[in-house]
Amino acid sequence: MKDYKIPVSWQMYGSVTVKAKNIHDAVNIVEQDPTVGLPSNGTYVEASWEVDWEMVEYEISNETEVK
């Protein structure tokens, strides 16, 4: 038996707090400022877990090329 690292992804949902003049400015800040950071209140989005098949296929093609 061999260990395999399978790439997976999932979604989280949460909110961040920013100071702004209005909601439109707040949204612009969140979309454009990478220093806002990730929400501290994130929760898992139901049924969002999935295998990244594109990466799996890439790994398979590289594995067969090396041999």
N, C-alpha and C. Protein backbone atom coordinates (compact mmCIF):
# COMPACT_ATOMS: atom_id res chain seq x y z
N MET A 1 0.84 -1.18 0.00
CA MET A 1 0.00 0.00 0.00
C MET A 1 0.88 1.24 0.00
N LYS A 2 0.42 2.30 -0.66
CA LYS A 2 1.15 3.55 -0.77
C LYS A 2 0.25 4.70 -0.31
N ASP A 3 0.83 5.71 0.29
CA ASP A 3 0.08 6.90 0.69
C ASP A 3 -0.02 7.86 -0.50
N TYR A 4 -1.19 8.44 -0.69
CA TYR A 4 -1.42 9.42 -1.75
C TYR A 4 -1.97 10.69 -1.14
N LYS A 5 -1.48 11.83 -1.60
CA LYS A 5 -2.05 13.13 -1.22
C LYS A 5 -3.00 13.54 -2.33
N ILE A 6 -4.28 13.57 -2.00
CA ILE A 6 -5.33 13.90 -2.97
C ILE A 6 -5.74 15.36 -2.75
N PRO A 7 -5.60 16.21 -3.79
CA PRO A 7 -5.99 17.61 -3.63
C PRO A 7 -7.51 17.76 -3.56
N VAL A 8 -7.96 18.48 -2.56
CA VAL A 8 -9.39 18.71 -2.36
C VAL A 8 -9.62 20.20 -2.10
N SER A 9 -10.86 20.62 -2.27
CA SER A 9 -11.23 22.00 -1.95
C SER A 9 -12.59 22.00 -1.30
N TRP A 10 -12.88 23.09 -0.60
CA TRP A 10 -14.18 23.27 0.02
C TRP A 10 -14.39 24.77 0.19
N GLN A 11 -15.62 25.14 0.46
CA GLN A 11 -15.95 26.55 0.64
C GLN A 11 -16.29 26.84 2.09
N MET A 12 -15.98 28.08 2.47
CA MET A 12 -16.33 28.58 3.79
C MET A 12 -17.14 29.85 3.59
N TYR A 13 -17.98 30.18 4.55
CA TYR A 13 -18.79 31.39 4.50
C TYR A 13 -18.63 32.13 5.82
N GLY A 14 -18.42 33.43 5.74
CA GLY A 14 -18.29 34.23 6.95
C GLY A 14 -18.41 35.70 6.59
N SER A 15 -18.13 36.56 7.54
CA SER A 15 -18.19 38.00 7.26
C SER A 15 -17.00 38.69 7.90
N VAL A 16 -16.61 39.82 7.31
CA VAL A 16 -15.53 40.64 7.84
C VAL A 16 -16.10 42.02 8.14
N THR A 17 -15.48 42.72 9.07
CA THR A 17 -15.92 44.06 9.44
C THR A 17 -14.90 45.07 8.93
N VAL A 18 -15.37 46.08 8.22
CA VAL A 18 -14.49 47.16 7.74
C VAL A 18 -15.16 48.51 8.01
N LYS A 19 -14.34 49.53 8.19
CA LYS A 19 -14.85 50.89 8.34
C LYS A 19 -14.91 51.52 6.95
N ALA A 20 -16.06 52.15 6.62
CA ALA A 20 -16.25 52.77 5.31
C ALA A 20 -17.34 53.84 5.40
N LYS A 21 -17.41 54.68 4.36
CA LYS A 21 -18.44 55.73 4.31
C LYS A 21 -19.83 55.16 4.07
N ASN A 22 -19.90 54.08 3.27
CA ASN A 22 -21.20 53.47 2.96
C ASN A 22 -20.96 52.02 2.57
N ILE A 23 -22.03 51.28 2.33
CA ILE A 23 -21.90 49.85 2.04
C ILE A 23 -21.15 49.59 0.74
N HIS A 24 -21.32 50.47 -0.25
CA HIS A 24 -20.62 50.29 -1.52
C HIS A 24 -19.11 50.43 -1.33
N ASP A 25 -18.69 51.43 -0.55
CA ASP A 25 -17.28 51.58 -0.24
C ASP A 25 -16.76 50.38 0.56
N ALA A 26 -17.58 49.89 1.47
CA ALA A 26 -17.18 48.73 2.28
C ALA A 26 -16.93 47.51 1.39
N VAL A 27 -17.83 47.28 0.44
CA VAL A 27 -17.67 46.15 -0.48
C VAL A 27 -16.40 46.33 -1.31
N ASN A 28 -16.15 47.54 -1.80
CA ASN A 28 -14.94 47.81 -2.58
C ASN A 28 -13.68 47.54 -1.76
N ILE A 29 -13.69 47.95 -0.51
CA ILE A 29 -12.53 47.70 0.36
C ILE A 29 -12.30 46.21 0.50
N VAL A 30 -13.35 45.46 0.77
CA VAL A 30 -13.22 44.00 0.97
C VAL A 30 -12.74 43.33 -0.30
N GLU A 31 -13.22 43.77 -1.46
CA GLU A 31 -12.81 43.14 -2.73
C GLU A 31 -11.39 43.50 -3.14
N GLN A 32 -10.92 44.68 -2.77
CA GLN A 32 -9.65 45.16 -3.30
C GLN A 32 -8.49 45.15 -2.31
N ASP A 33 -8.76 45.04 -1.03
CA ASP A 33 -7.70 45.13 -0.03
C ASP A 33 -7.35 43.75 0.52
N PRO A 34 -6.22 43.18 0.08
CA PRO A 34 -5.86 41.84 0.55
C PRO A 34 -5.52 41.77 2.04
N THR A 35 -5.33 42.92 2.67
CA THR A 35 -5.01 42.91 4.10
C THR A 35 -6.24 42.77 4.99
N VAL A 36 -7.43 42.79 4.39
CA VAL A 36 -8.66 42.61 5.18
C VAL A 36 -8.62 41.27 5.90
N GLY A 37 -8.12 40.25 5.24
CA GLY A 37 -7.97 38.95 5.88
C GLY A 37 -9.20 38.06 5.77
N LEU A 38 -9.05 36.87 6.29
CA LEU A 38 -10.13 35.89 6.28
C LEU A 38 -11.06 36.12 7.46
N PRO A 39 -12.33 35.75 7.32
CA PRO A 39 -13.26 35.89 8.44
C PRO A 39 -12.85 35.00 9.61
N SER A 40 -13.04 35.49 10.81
CA SER A 40 -12.76 34.67 12.00
C SER A 40 -13.98 33.84 12.39
N ASN A 41 -15.11 34.09 11.73
CA ASN A 41 -16.35 33.39 12.06
C ASN A 41 -16.80 32.46 10.93
N GLY A 42 -15.85 31.95 10.14
CA GLY A 42 -16.19 31.13 8.99
C GLY A 42 -16.84 29.81 9.35
N THR A 43 -17.77 29.39 8.51
CA THR A 43 -18.40 28.07 8.65
C THR A 43 -18.36 27.36 7.31
N TYR A 44 -18.31 26.06 7.35
CA TYR A 44 -18.25 25.22 6.16
C TYR A 44 -19.54 25.33 5.35
N VAL A 45 -19.41 25.48 4.02
CA VAL A 45 -20.58 25.50 3.14
C VAL A 45 -20.95 24.05 2.83
N GLU A 46 -22.14 23.67 3.23
CA GLU A 46 -22.63 22.29 3.08
C GLU A 46 -22.44 21.79 1.65
N ALA A 47 -21.92 20.58 1.52
CA ALA A 47 -21.75 19.86 0.25
C ALA A 47 -20.77 20.54 -0.70
N SER A 48 -19.83 21.34 -0.17
CA SER A 48 -18.87 22.00 -1.06
C SER A 48 -17.55 21.22 -1.19
N TRP A 49 -17.36 20.17 -0.42
CA TRP A 49 -16.15 19.34 -0.45
C TRP A 49 -16.05 18.63 -1.79
N GLU A 50 -14.89 18.77 -2.48
CA GLU A 50 -14.73 18.06 -3.75
C GLU A 50 -13.26 17.79 -4.04
N VAL A 51 -13.03 16.74 -4.79
CA VAL A 51 -11.69 16.40 -5.26
C VAL A 51 -11.35 17.31 -6.43
N ASP A 52 -10.12 17.80 -6.47
CA ASP A 52 -9.66 18.63 -7.57
C ASP A 52 -9.15 17.69 -8.67
N TRP A 53 -10.07 17.26 -9.53
CA TRP A 53 -9.74 16.26 -10.55
C TRP A 53 -8.72 16.76 -11.55
N GLU A 54 -8.69 18.06 -11.82
CA GLU A 54 -7.70 18.61 -12.75
C GLU A 54 -6.28 18.36 -12.21
N MET A 55 -6.10 18.58 -10.92
CA MET A 55 -4.79 18.34 -10.32
C MET A 55 -4.48 16.84 -10.23
N VAL A 56 -5.48 16.03 -9.95
CA VAL A 56 -5.27 14.59 -9.90
C VAL A 56 -4.80 14.09 -11.27
N GLU A 57 -5.47 14.52 -12.33
CA GLU A 57 -5.09 14.11 -13.68
C GLU A 57 -3.69 14.60 -14.03
N TYR A 58 -3.34 15.81 -13.59
CA TYR A 58 -2.00 16.34 -13.81
C TYR A 58 -0.96 15.44 -13.12
N GLU A 59 -1.23 15.08 -11.88
CA GLU A 59 -0.32 14.21 -11.13
C GLU A 59 -0.19 12.84 -11.81
N ILE A 60 -1.30 12.30 -12.29
CA ILE A 60 -1.27 11.00 -12.98
C ILE A 60 -0.41 11.10 -14.23
N SER A 61 -0.57 12.17 -15.01
CA SER A 61 0.21 12.31 -16.24
C SER A 61 1.69 12.47 -15.94
N ASN A 62 2.03 13.18 -14.87
CA ASN A 62 3.44 13.32 -14.49
C ASN A 62 4.01 12.02 -13.97
N GLU A 63 3.21 11.25 -13.27
CA GLU A 63 3.66 9.97 -12.74
C GLU A 63 4.03 8.99 -13.86
N THR A 64 3.20 8.97 -14.91
CA THR A 64 3.46 8.05 -16.01
C THR A 64 4.61 8.51 -16.89
N GLU A 65 4.86 9.83 -16.96
CA GLU A 65 5.96 10.36 -17.76
C GLU A 65 7.31 10.05 -17.13
N VAL A 66 7.37 10.03 -15.79
CA VAL A 66 8.62 9.82 -15.08
C VAL A 66 9.11 8.39 -15.24
N LYS A 67 8.21 7.46 -15.30
CA LYS A 67 8.60 6.03 -15.35
C LYS A 67 9.14 5.63 -16.68
